[in-house]
Amino acid sequence: MEDVVFLLLCVSSAAAAQLCAPDASNGYKVRLSILTALGDEAYVWNDSEMFLFRAALAFAMRTADGQNYNVSNVLVCDETPRVSFWFVVTSPLNPTLLVERRQVEEAVRKSRNRINSAFMLTDNTLEFLGIPPTLAAPVPPSSPPG
């Protein structure tokens, strides 16, 4: 039984490696500038931070199209020590199929503020290359201008 589980883990890791690669057709590069944004209050990017990123993306995808995305649907690859990486999103119905670019872009745009806030970053310090930031809606003044 342990041999079967190990084999399945190896096969799923190999499949993920084929789906997520730099310059993948449905992939995006992310760059984080934690030190620039937070200075002396900067935190170390680690596996727990990556889990939070993947969870935030799964949340964004669920919010955008209502399907049951999980952390396992957000594949990350080519991570660098200066905190950049590529990601793709797989279908919750078939983890061997990638979600179309337009769906990922829409989900990121709709949840951009929530994603940035999770890491205490901004559009300038958490960059989704290829997905331009969207401007926040103007906030109406609490009292009329005068």
C-alpha atoms as a PDB file:
ATOM      1  CA  MET A   1       0.000   0.000   0.000  1.00  0.00           C
ATOM      2  CA  GLU A   2       2.812   2.428   0.865  1.00  0.00           C
ATOM      3  CA  ASP A   3       4.386   1.709  -2.520  1.00  0.00           C
ATOM      4  CA  VAL A   4       1.146   2.667  -4.286  1.00  0.00           C
ATOM      5  CA  VAL A   5       0.845   5.941  -2.346  1.00  0.00           C
ATOM      6  CA  PHE A   6       4.477   6.806  -3.090  1.00  0.00           C
ATOM      7  CA  LEU A   7       3.969   6.037  -6.791  1.00  0.00           C
ATOM      8  CA  LEU A   8       0.860   8.250  -6.920  1.00  0.00           C
ATOM      9  CA  LEU A   9       2.720  11.109  -5.253  1.00  0.00           C
ATOM     10  CA  CYS A  10       5.559  10.811  -7.765  1.00  0.00           C
ATOM     11  CA  VAL A  11       3.165  10.730 -10.714  1.00  0.00           C
ATOM     12  CA  SER A  12       1.203  13.757  -9.477  1.00  0.00           C
ATOM     13  CA  SER A  13       4.441  15.701  -8.896  1.00  0.00           C
ATOM     14  CA  ALA A  14       5.620  14.849 -12.398  1.00  0.00           C
ATOM     15  CA  ALA A  15       2.272  15.946 -13.874  1.00  0.00           C
ATOM     16  CA  ALA A  16       2.442  19.226 -11.962  1.00  0.00           C
ATOM     17  CA  ALA A  17       5.967  19.850 -13.244  1.00  0.00           C
ATOM     18  CA  GLN A  18       4.725  19.456 -16.816  1.00  0.00           C
ATOM     19  CA  LEU A  19       1.800  21.853 -16.291  1.00  0.00           C
ATOM     20  CA  CYS A  20       3.730  24.578 -14.472  1.00  0.00           C
ATOM     21  CA  ALA A  21       6.811  25.915 -16.192  1.00  0.00           C
ATOM     22  CA  PRO A  22       8.289  29.359 -16.819  1.00  0.00           C
ATOM     23  CA  ASP A  23       6.503  30.988 -19.749  1.00  0.00           C
ATOM     24  CA  ALA A  24       3.674  28.407 -19.604  1.00  0.00           C
ATOM     25  CA  SER A  25       0.841  29.500 -21.883  1.00  0.00           C
ATOM     26  CA  ASN A  26      -1.621  29.850 -18.990  1.00  0.00           C
ATOM     27  CA  GLY A  27       0.968  30.752 -16.376  1.00  0.00           C
ATOM     28  CA  TYR A  28       1.894  33.973 -14.627  1.00  0.00           C
ATOM     29  CA  LYS A  29       5.047  35.223 -13.022  1.00  0.00           C
ATOM     30  CA  VAL A  30       4.722  36.841  -9.611  1.00  0.00           C
ATOM     31  CA  ARG A  31       7.300  39.152  -8.026  1.00  0.00           C
ATOM     32  CA  LEU A  32       7.184  40.236  -4.400  1.00  0.00           C
ATOM     33  CA  SER A  33       9.162  43.107  -2.914  1.00  0.00           C
ATOM     34  CA  ILE A  34       8.633  42.452   0.777  1.00  0.00           C
ATOM     35  CA  LEU A  35      11.683  44.367   2.001  1.00  0.00           C
ATOM     36  CA  THR A  36      10.838  47.389  -0.164  1.00  0.00           C
ATOM     37  CA  ALA A  37       7.279  47.440   1.153  1.00  0.00           C
ATOM     38  CA  LEU A  38       7.894  46.730   4.817  1.00  0.00           C
ATOM     39  CA  GLY A  39      11.519  47.711   5.530  1.00  0.00           C
ATOM     40  CA  ASP A  40      12.531  46.625   9.032  1.00  0.00           C
ATOM     41  CA  GLU A  41       9.132  44.962   9.469  1.00  0.00           C
ATOM     42  CA  ALA A  42       9.703  42.631   6.484  1.00  0.00           C
ATOM     43  CA  TYR A  43       8.903  38.979   6.998  1.00  0.00           C
ATOM     44  CA  VAL A  44      10.711  35.953   5.577  1.00  0.00           C
ATOM     45  CA  TRP A  45       9.009  34.267   2.626  1.00  0.00           C
ATOM     46  CA  ASN A  46       8.697  30.582   3.476  1.00  0.00           C
ATOM     47  CA  ASP A  47       6.493  27.549   2.829  1.00  0.00           C
ATOM     48  CA  SER A  48       3.738  28.926   5.045  1.00  0.00           C
ATOM     49  CA  GLU A  49       3.679  32.198   3.067  1.00  0.00           C
ATOM     50  CA  MET A  50       3.510  30.211  -0.179  1.00  0.00           C
ATOM     51  CA  PHE A  51       0.605  28.204   1.229  1.00  0.00           C
ATOM     52  CA  LEU A  52      -1.171  31.481   2.038  1.00  0.00           C
ATOM     53  CA  PHE A  53      -0.546  32.716  -1.523  1.00  0.00           C
ATOM     54  CA  ARG A  54      -1.962  29.507  -2.993  1.00  0.00           C
ATOM     55  CA  ALA A  55      -4.968  29.698  -0.637  1.00  0.00           C
ATOM     56  CA  ALA A  56      -5.586  33.347  -1.597  1.00  0.00           C
ATOM     57  CA  LEU A  57      -5.529  32.383  -5.278  1.00  0.00           C
ATOM     58  CA  ALA A  58      -7.910  29.462  -4.664  1.00  0.00           C
ATOM     59  CA  PHE A  59     -10.211  31.910  -2.830  1.00  0.00           C
ATOM     60  CA  ALA A  60     -10.029  34.344  -5.765  1.00  0.00           C
ATOM     61  CA  MET A  61     -10.873  31.585  -8.251  1.00  0.00           C
ATOM     62  CA  ARG A  62     -13.806  30.353  -6.125  1.00  0.00           C
ATOM     63  CA  THR A  63     -15.120  33.909  -5.816  1.00  0.00           C
ATOM     64  CA  ALA A  64     -14.809  34.594  -9.541  1.00  0.00           C
ATOM     65  CA  ASP A  65     -16.449  31.501 -10.988  1.00  0.00           C
ATOM     66  CA  GLY A  66     -18.066  29.633  -8.098  1.00  0.00           C
ATOM     67  CA  GLN A  67     -16.258  26.331  -8.611  1.00  0.00           C
ATOM     68  CA  ASN A  68     -14.679  24.479  -5.693  1.00  0.00           C
ATOM     69  CA  TYR A  69     -10.985  25.389  -6.112  1.00  0.00           C
ATOM     70  CA  ASN A  70      -8.498  24.212  -3.483  1.00  0.00           C
ATOM     71  CA  VAL A  71      -4.878  24.988  -2.700  1.00  0.00           C
ATOM     72  CA  SER A  72      -3.922  21.886  -4.705  1.00  0.00           C
ATOM     73  CA  ASN A  73      -5.304  23.596  -7.852  1.00  0.00           C
ATOM     74  CA  VAL A  74      -2.685  26.352  -7.645  1.00  0.00           C
ATOM     75  CA  LEU A  75       0.637  24.977  -8.883  1.00  0.00           C
ATOM     76  CA  VAL A  76       3.821  26.953  -8.273  1.00  0.00           C
ATOM     77  CA  CYS A  77       7.175  26.470  -9.951  1.00  0.00           C
ATOM     78  CA  ASP A  78      10.518  28.126 -10.617  1.00  0.00           C
ATOM     79  CA  GLU A  79      10.588  29.866  -7.236  1.00  0.00           C
ATOM     80  CA  THR A  80      13.642  32.063  -6.672  1.00  0.00           C
ATOM     81  CA  PRO A  81      15.223  33.215  -3.398  1.00  0.00           C
ATOM     82  CA  ARG A  82      14.424  36.843  -4.264  1.00  0.00           C
ATOM     83  CA  VAL A  83      10.769  35.818  -4.160  1.00  0.00           C
ATOM     84  CA  SER A  84       9.531  35.409  -7.652  1.00  0.00           C
ATOM     85  CA  PHE A  85       7.783  32.381  -9.059  1.00  0.00           C
ATOM     86  CA  TRP A  86       5.414  31.153 -11.746  1.00  0.00           C
ATOM     87  CA  PHE A  87       1.962  29.739 -11.103  1.00  0.00           C
ATOM     88  CA  VAL A  88      -0.837  28.075 -13.017  1.00  0.00           C
ATOM     89  CA  VAL A  89      -4.323  27.083 -11.902  1.00  0.00           C
ATOM     90  CA  THR A  90      -5.782  23.665 -12.678  1.00  0.00           C
ATOM     91  CA  SER A  91      -9.433  22.798 -13.046  1.00  0.00           C
ATOM     92  CA  PRO A  92     -11.125  21.516  -9.880  1.00  0.00           C
ATOM     93  CA  LEU A  93     -12.934  18.992 -12.083  1.00  0.00           C
ATOM     94  CA  ASN A  94      -9.800  17.734 -13.854  1.00  0.00           C
ATOM     95  CA  PRO A  95      -6.416  18.598 -12.323  1.00  0.00           C
ATOM     96  CA  THR A  96      -4.636  17.780 -15.590  1.00  0.00           C
ATOM     97  CA  LEU A  97      -6.322  20.728 -17.361  1.00  0.00           C
ATOM     98  CA  LEU A  98      -5.239  24.331 -16.909  1.00  0.00           C
ATOM     99  CA  VAL A  99      -7.773  27.087 -16.340  1.00  0.00           C
ATOM    100  CA  GLU A 100      -7.868  29.630 -19.170  1.00  0.00           C
ATOM    101  CA  ARG A 101      -5.855  32.835 -18.800  1.00  0.00           C
ATOM    102  CA  ARG A 102      -8.892  35.115 -18.941  1.00  0.00           C
ATOM    103  CA  GLN A 103     -10.497  33.307 -15.978  1.00  0.00           C
ATOM    104  CA  VAL A 104      -7.331  33.596 -13.870  1.00  0.00           C
ATOM    105  CA  GLU A 105      -6.883  37.258 -14.839  1.00  0.00           C
ATOM    106  CA  GLU A 106     -10.490  38.066 -13.925  1.00  0.00           C
ATOM    107  CA  ALA A 107     -10.172  36.296 -10.568  1.00  0.00           C
ATOM    108  CA  VAL A 108      -6.924  38.094  -9.717  1.00  0.00           C
ATOM    109  CA  ARG A 109      -8.340  41.486 -10.734  1.00  0.00           C
ATOM    110  CA  LYS A 110     -11.507  40.986  -8.671  1.00  0.00           C
ATOM    111  CA  SER A 111      -9.599  39.856  -5.564  1.00  0.00           C
ATOM    112  CA  ARG A 112      -6.426  41.912  -5.975  1.00  0.00           C
ATOM    113  CA  ASN A 113      -6.994  43.985  -2.854  1.00  0.00           C
ATOM    114  CA  ARG A 114      -7.695  40.884  -0.733  1.00  0.00           C
ATOM    115  CA  ILE A 115      -4.551  39.164  -2.047  1.00  0.00           C
ATOM    116  CA  ASN A 116      -2.376  42.249  -1.476  1.00  0.00           C
ATOM    117  CA  SER A 117      -3.801  42.734   2.008  1.00  0.00           C
ATOM    118  CA  ALA A 118      -3.012  39.148   3.000  1.00  0.00           C
ATOM    119  CA  PHE A 119       0.688  39.944   2.533  1.00  0.00           C
ATOM    120  CA  MET A 120       0.618  43.625   3.594  1.00  0.00           C
ATOM    121  CA  LEU A 121       1.735  44.582   0.065  1.00  0.00           C
ATOM    122  CA  THR A 122       0.474  46.790  -2.784  1.00  0.00           C
ATOM    123  CA  ASP A 123       0.146  46.446  -6.551  1.00  0.00           C
ATOM    124  CA  ASN A 124       3.692  47.856  -6.770  1.00  0.00           C
ATOM    125  CA  THR A 125       5.203  45.351  -4.344  1.00  0.00           C
ATOM    126  CA  LEU A 126       3.169  42.246  -5.274  1.00  0.00           C
ATOM    127  CA  GLU A 127       3.266  42.127  -9.054  1.00  0.00           C
ATOM    128  CA  PHE A 128       1.345  39.703 -11.235  1.00  0.00           C
ATOM    129  CA  LEU A 129       3.269  40.168 -14.484  1.00  0.00           C
ATOM    130  CA  GLY A 130       0.833  40.235 -17.381  1.00  0.00           C
ATOM    131  CA  ILE A 131      -2.152  41.191 -15.194  1.00  0.00           C
ATOM    132  CA  PRO A 132      -2.313  44.963 -14.933  1.00  0.00           C
ATOM    133  CA  PRO A 133      -3.561  46.330 -11.622  1.00  0.00           C
ATOM    134  CA  THR A 134      -7.082  47.667 -11.570  1.00  0.00           C
ATOM    135  CA  LEU A 135      -7.793  51.024 -10.075  1.00  0.00           C
ATOM    136  CA  ALA A 136      -9.954  51.026  -6.969  1.00  0.00           C
ATOM    137  CA  ALA A 137     -13.333  52.675  -7.288  1.00  0.00           C
ATOM    138  CA  PRO A 138     -13.320  56.249  -6.045  1.00  0.00           C
ATOM    139  CA  VAL A 139     -14.418  56.615  -2.450  1.00  0.00           C
ATOM    140  CA  PRO A 140     -17.190  59.170  -2.027  1.00  0.00           C
ATOM    141  CA  PRO A 141     -16.392  61.845   0.539  1.00  0.00           C
ATOM    142  CA  SER A 142     -18.129  61.546   3.892  1.00  0.00           C
ATOM    143  CA  SER A 143     -19.246  65.135   3.595  1.00  0.00           C
ATOM    144  CA  PRO A 144     -20.028  67.090   0.432  1.00  0.00           C
ATOM    145  CA  PRO A 145     -17.140  69.048  -1.032  1.00  0.00           C
ATOM    146  CA  GLY A 146     -17.440  72.560  -0.246  1.00  0.00           C
END
